[in-house]
Structures are given as structure tokens and as C-alpha cells.
C-alpha atoms as a PDB file:
ATOM      1  CA  MET A   1       7.475  11.214  -4.613  1.00  0.00           C
ATOM      2  CA  ALA A   2       9.072  13.979  -2.461  1.00  0.00           C
ATOM      3  CA  ASP A   3      12.744  14.672  -2.499  1.00  0.00           C
ATOM      4  CA  GLY A   4      14.902  11.730  -1.198  1.00  0.00           C
ATOM      5  CA  GLN A   5      12.103   9.138  -1.735  1.00  0.00           C
ATOM      6  CA  LYS A   6      12.020   6.349  -4.256  1.00  0.00           C
ATOM      7  CA  LEU A   7       8.800   4.522  -5.032  1.00  0.00           C
ATOM      8  CA  ILE A   8       9.226   0.689  -5.044  1.00  0.00           C
ATOM      9  CA  ALA A   9       5.689  -0.549  -5.425  1.00  0.00           C
ATOM     10  CA  GLN A  10       2.079   0.786  -5.522  1.00  0.00           C
ATOM     11  CA  ASN A  11      -1.251  -0.896  -4.926  1.00  0.00           C
ATOM     12  CA  LYS A  12      -3.371   0.818  -7.726  1.00  0.00           C
ATOM     13  CA  LYS A  13      -6.161  -1.804  -7.184  1.00  0.00           C
ATOM     14  CA  ALA A  14      -6.690  -0.308  -3.709  1.00  0.00           C
ATOM     15  CA  PHE A  15      -7.947   2.927  -5.212  1.00  0.00           C
ATOM     16  CA  HIS A  16     -10.373   1.053  -7.449  1.00  0.00           C
ATOM     17  CA  GLU A  17     -11.611  -1.161  -4.589  1.00  0.00           C
ATOM     18  CA  TYR A  18     -11.908   1.235  -1.707  1.00  0.00           C
ATOM     19  CA  PHE A  19     -12.640   4.928  -0.782  1.00  0.00           C
ATOM     20  CA  VAL A  20      -9.491   6.087   1.004  1.00  0.00           C
ATOM     21  CA  GLU A  21     -10.142   8.122   4.147  1.00  0.00           C
ATOM     22  CA  GLU A  22      -6.862   8.561   5.840  1.00  0.00           C
ATOM     23  CA  THR A  23      -3.249   7.657   5.145  1.00  0.00           C
ATOM     24  CA  TYR A  24      -0.390   6.844   7.534  1.00  0.00           C
ATOM     25  CA  GLU A  25       3.296   6.232   7.113  1.00  0.00           C
ATOM     26  CA  ALA A  26       4.765   3.269   8.784  1.00  0.00           C
ATOM     27  CA  GLY A  27       8.162   1.587   9.015  1.00  0.00           C
ATOM     28  CA  ILE A  28       8.456  -2.090   8.245  1.00  0.00           C
ATOM     29  CA  ALA A  29      10.586  -4.769   9.986  1.00  0.00           C
ATOM     30  CA  LEU A  30      12.639  -6.631   7.341  1.00  0.00           C
ATOM     31  CA  THR A  31      15.608  -8.851   7.265  1.00  0.00           C
ATOM     32  CA  GLY A  32      18.808  -8.048   5.372  1.00  0.00           C
ATOM     33  CA  THR A  33      18.058  -9.940   2.277  1.00  0.00           C
ATOM     34  CA  GLU A  34      14.498  -8.552   2.158  1.00  0.00           C
ATOM     35  CA  VAL A  35      15.813  -5.034   2.261  1.00  0.00           C
ATOM     36  CA  LYS A  36      18.235  -5.800  -0.629  1.00  0.00           C
ATOM     37  CA  SER A  37      15.367  -7.285  -2.684  1.00  0.00           C
ATOM     38  CA  VAL A  38      13.188  -4.297  -1.984  1.00  0.00           C
ATOM     39  CA  ARG A  39      15.918  -1.947  -3.162  1.00  0.00           C
ATOM     40  CA  ALA A  40      16.044  -3.880  -6.295  1.00  0.00           C
ATOM     41  CA  GLY A  41      12.362  -3.336  -6.783  1.00  0.00           C
ATOM     42  CA  LYS A  42      11.095  -6.786  -6.095  1.00  0.00           C
ATOM     43  CA  ALA A  43       8.090  -6.087  -3.924  1.00  0.00           C
ATOM     44  CA  ASN A  44       4.401  -6.562  -4.788  1.00  0.00           C
ATOM     45  CA  LEU A  45       1.352  -5.311  -2.747  1.00  0.00           C
ATOM     46  CA  LYS A  46      -1.377  -7.099  -4.788  1.00  0.00           C
ATOM     47  CA  ASP A  47      -4.086  -8.554  -2.569  1.00  0.00           C
ATOM     48  CA  SER A  48      -2.299  -7.478   0.611  1.00  0.00           C
ATOM     49  CA  TYR A  49      -3.966  -6.005   3.702  1.00  0.00           C
ATOM     50  CA  VAL A  50      -2.952  -4.865   7.364  1.00  0.00           C
ATOM     51  CA  SER A  51      -4.172  -6.863  10.290  1.00  0.00           C
ATOM     52  CA  CYS A  52      -3.918  -5.545  13.965  1.00  0.00           C
ATOM     53  CA  LYS A  53      -3.357  -8.365  16.677  1.00  0.00           C
ATOM     54  CA  THR A  54      -2.263  -8.019  20.227  1.00  0.00           C
ATOM     55  CA  GLY A  55      -1.204  -4.447  19.951  1.00  0.00           C
ATOM     56  CA  GLU A  56       0.955  -4.993  16.725  1.00  0.00           C
ATOM     57  CA  ALA A  57       0.204  -4.375  13.055  1.00  0.00           C
ATOM     58  CA  PHE A  58       1.167  -6.748  10.305  1.00  0.00           C
ATOM     59  CA  VAL A  59       1.111  -6.659   6.538  1.00  0.00           C
ATOM     60  CA  ILE A  60      -0.297  -9.888   5.296  1.00  0.00           C
ATOM     61  CA  GLY A  61       0.043 -11.011   1.742  1.00  0.00           C
ATOM     62  CA  MET A  62       2.829  -8.637   0.748  1.00  0.00           C
ATOM     63  CA  HIS A  63       5.234 -10.412  -1.633  1.00  0.00           C
ATOM     64  CA  ILE A  64       9.057  -9.697  -1.502  1.00  0.00           C
ATOM     65  CA  SER A  65      10.891 -11.948  -4.008  1.00  0.00           C
ATOM     66  CA  PRO A  66      13.913 -13.820  -2.510  1.00  0.00           C
ATOM     67  CA  TYR A  67      17.236 -12.081  -3.094  1.00  0.00           C
ATOM     68  CA  GLU A  68      19.218 -13.853  -5.785  1.00  0.00           C
ATOM     69  CA  LYS A  69      22.485 -13.951  -3.849  1.00  0.00           C
ATOM     70  CA  GLY A  70      20.798 -14.507  -0.481  1.00  0.00           C
ATOM     71  CA  ASN A  71      21.016 -18.329  -0.490  1.00  0.00           C
ATOM     72  CA  ILE A  72      20.209 -19.700   3.071  1.00  0.00           C
ATOM     73  CA  PHE A  73      19.325 -16.231   4.501  1.00  0.00           C
ATOM     74  CA  ASN A  74      16.262 -15.788   2.412  1.00  0.00           C
ATOM     75  CA  ARG A  75      12.929 -15.790   4.246  1.00  0.00           C
ATOM     76  CA  ASP A  76       9.512 -16.864   3.030  1.00  0.00           C
ATOM     77  CA  PRO A  77       8.340 -14.264   0.479  1.00  0.00           C
ATOM     78  CA  LEU A  78       4.771 -14.085   1.866  1.00  0.00           C
ATOM     79  CA  ARG A  79       5.512 -14.144   5.568  1.00  0.00           C
ATOM     80  CA  PRO A  80       3.540 -11.547   7.694  1.00  0.00           C
ATOM     81  CA  LYS A  81       5.722  -8.505   8.147  1.00  0.00           C
ATOM     82  CA  ARG A  82       5.418  -6.331  11.213  1.00  0.00           C
ATOM     83  CA  LEU A  83       4.787  -2.524  10.824  1.00  0.00           C
ATOM     84  CA  LEU A  84       6.462  -0.021  13.105  1.00  0.00           C
ATOM     85  CA  LEU A  85       3.736   2.244  14.485  1.00  0.00           C
ATOM     86  CA  HIS A  86       3.183   3.958  17.766  1.00  0.00           C
ATOM     87  CA  LYS A  87       0.884   1.988  20.094  1.00  0.00           C
ATOM     88  CA  ARG A  88      -1.608   4.707  20.241  1.00  0.00           C
ATOM     89  CA  GLU A  89      -1.831   4.670  16.438  1.00  0.00           C
ATOM     90  CA  ILE A  90      -2.280   0.921  16.372  1.00  0.00           C
ATOM     91  CA  TRP A  91      -5.117   1.165  18.954  1.00  0.00           C
ATOM     92  CA  LYS A  92      -6.832   3.909  17.102  1.00  0.00           C
ATOM     93  CA  LEU A  93      -6.655   2.063  13.873  1.00  0.00           C
ATOM     94  CA  ALA A  94      -7.769  -1.269  15.380  1.00  0.00           C
ATOM     95  CA  ALA A  95     -10.683   0.452  16.926  1.00  0.00           C
ATOM     96  CA  LYS A  96     -11.820   2.020  13.679  1.00  0.00           C
ATOM     97  CA  VAL A  97     -11.549  -1.282  11.861  1.00  0.00           C
ATOM     98  CA  GLU A  98     -13.665  -3.001  14.591  1.00  0.00           C
ATOM     99  CA  GLN A  99     -16.325  -0.387  15.062  1.00  0.00           C
ATOM    100  CA  ASP A 100     -16.843   1.477  11.802  1.00  0.00           C
ATOM    101  CA  GLY A 101     -16.248  -1.320   9.164  1.00  0.00           C
ATOM    102  CA  TYR A 102     -13.003   0.157   7.716  1.00  0.00           C
ATOM    103  CA  THR A 103     -10.221  -1.821   6.245  1.00  0.00           C
ATOM    104  CA  LEU A 104      -6.463  -1.134   6.506  1.00  0.00           C
ATOM    105  CA  VAL A 105      -4.743  -1.445   3.062  1.00  0.00           C
ATOM    106  CA  PRO A 106      -1.125  -0.894   2.121  1.00  0.00           C
ATOM    107  CA  ILE A 107      -0.973   1.670  -0.678  1.00  0.00           C
ATOM    108  CA  SER A 108       2.671   1.973  -1.539  1.00  0.00           C
ATOM    109  CA  VAL A 109       6.175   0.885  -0.475  1.00  0.00           C
ATOM    110  CA  TYR A 110       8.950   3.350  -0.885  1.00  0.00           C
ATOM    111  CA  LEU A 111      12.538   4.141   0.253  1.00  0.00           C
ATOM    112  CA  LYS A 112      12.866   7.263   2.443  1.00  0.00           C
ATOM    113  CA  GLY A 113      16.624   7.744   2.765  1.00  0.00           C
ATOM    114  CA  PRO A 114      17.977   4.468   3.945  1.00  0.00           C
ATOM    115  CA  ARG A 115      14.684   3.157   5.337  1.00  0.00           C
ATOM    116  CA  VAL A 116      11.879   1.227   3.812  1.00  0.00           C
ATOM    117  CA  LYS A 117       8.467   2.759   4.476  1.00  0.00           C
ATOM    118  CA  VAL A 118       4.916   1.545   3.797  1.00  0.00           C
ATOM    119  CA  GLU A 119       1.999   3.959   3.249  1.00  0.00           C
ATOM    120  CA  ILE A 120      -1.217   2.398   4.685  1.00  0.00           C
ATOM    121  CA  ALA A 121      -4.744   3.702   4.385  1.00  0.00           C
ATOM    122  CA  LEU A 122      -7.841   3.642   6.346  1.00  0.00           C
ATOM    123  CA  ALA A 123     -10.459   2.777   3.730  1.00  0.00           C
ATOM    124  CA  LYS A 124     -14.119   1.824   3.159  1.00  0.00           C
ATOM    125  CA  GLY A 125     -15.095  -0.728   0.540  1.00  0.00           C
ATOM    126  CA  LYS A 126     -16.820   0.531  -2.743  1.00  0.00           C
ATOM    127  CA  HIS A 127     -19.936  -1.025  -3.966  1.00  0.00           C
ATOM    128  CA  LEU A 128     -20.398  -1.989  -7.661  1.00  0.00           C
ATOM    129  CA  HIS A 129     -22.393   1.119  -8.419  1.00  0.00           C
ATOM    130  CA  ASP A 130     -19.623   3.312  -6.889  1.00  0.00           C
ATOM    131  CA  LYS A 131     -17.029   1.553  -9.189  1.00  0.00           C
ATOM    132  CA  ARG A 132     -19.249   2.132 -12.202  1.00  0.00           C
ATOM    133  CA  ALA A 133     -19.712   5.854 -11.398  1.00  0.00           C
ATOM    134  CA  ALA A 134     -15.943   6.300 -10.901  1.00  0.00           C
ATOM    135  CA  ALA A 135     -15.224   4.612 -14.225  1.00  0.00           C
ATOM    136  CA  ALA A 136     -17.916   6.792 -15.951  1.00  0.00           C
ATOM    137  CA  GLU A 137     -16.369   9.997 -14.429  1.00  0.00           C
ATOM    138  CA  ARG A 138     -12.909   8.881 -15.462  1.00  0.00           C
ATOM    139  CA  ASP A 139     -14.065   8.245 -19.046  1.00  0.00           C
ATOM    140  CA  ALA A 140     -15.899  11.623 -19.265  1.00  0.00           C
ATOM    141  CA  LYS A 141     -12.848  13.461 -18.014  1.00  0.00           C
ATOM    142  CA  ARG A 142     -10.546  11.598 -20.510  1.00  0.00           C
ATOM    143  CA  GLU A 143     -13.047  12.487 -23.284  1.00  0.00           C
ATOM    144  CA  MET A 144     -13.084  16.229 -22.280  1.00  0.00           C
ATOM    145  CA  ASP A 145      -9.269  16.301 -22.182  1.00  0.00           C
ATOM    146  CA  ARG A 146      -9.132  14.767 -25.585  1.00  0.00           C
ATOM    147  CA  VAL A 147     -11.627  17.382 -27.198  1.00  0.00           C
ATOM    148  CA  MET A 148      -9.705  20.304 -25.469  1.00  0.00           C
ATOM    149  CA  LYS A 149      -6.382  18.955 -26.722  1.00  0.00           C
ATOM    150  CA  SER A 150      -7.774  18.735 -30.320  1.00  0.00           C
ATOM    151  CA  ARG A 151      -9.268  22.257 -30.147  1.00  0.00           C
ATOM    152  CA  ASN A 152      -5.854  23.676 -29.081  1.00  0.00           C
ATOM    153  CA  ARG A 153      -4.125  22.444 -32.215  1.00  0.00           C
END
């Protein structure tokens, strides 16, 4: 991550399941105990997605564990969390999702200074043969690197 940024959680499965076209940085509306829990690294993006409704964007399925010392102030860990984007960006993303068959997927959660940010991606789903080709390419690259490393010794 760049200077002053601390990575909290990544959605590695998104790169396996989707072709990532564009990425956007968005703020996220959280309560105090949720922010403390995120700072402690207790966020999970597995099986989460972004939904645009009535001019607002929400992350659905993002799990933020309850803060241990939060008692009555803790919120539901799986509640939909509102993303902070400009209206034009939300309309543009919603139009792409509606017309072109794209999906909005959160890729990472990180701290940028005192703020919690979410990187979301406009992505298209991969088919099974695309996943197989990507795996074969990754294996071939790994094999070439291994051979080159053994030759350099």
C-alpha cells in the first residue's frame, strides 16, 4: 500500500471469480465500535458485493466482528454499510451494472490516515474455461520462475 495506508482486509477470491475492469475508492459509513474493530483488523470481505439502491451504494455481506469492549454499542456484524461516493459516480456505476452485466465487488478495506476506505471494482464474471486458463498461466509462470532460479545458482 502507499505511504500512510494500512491494509485491513482483501478479497482475493474476487480476482479469481471476476475480470476487474475499473476500481474506485469509497469511504464507508461506520459506527464508533465498528471503526475500532476495523482498526484491530477484524473485517472480512468474503462473499460480499455492492448494491446501488435509490441513489445510494451499500456493501452487503461485509463482516465486521463486534468490538470486545463495545458492549451495548455493538451493531449487527453483517448489516449493510453505506458507501460514500458522489451521486454521479453512483449513477454511472448503477447504469453499468444494469446495462452491461457488470458486478460491483469490494476488493479491499484499508485505513488512509484516520479514515476507513473501501476499494470497489467494476467487474465481469469469469467462465469456467477462463478460470482454467488463468490457473494454467499461473502454473506456467511459477514453473519458469523455478527453473530460472535453479539456473542462477
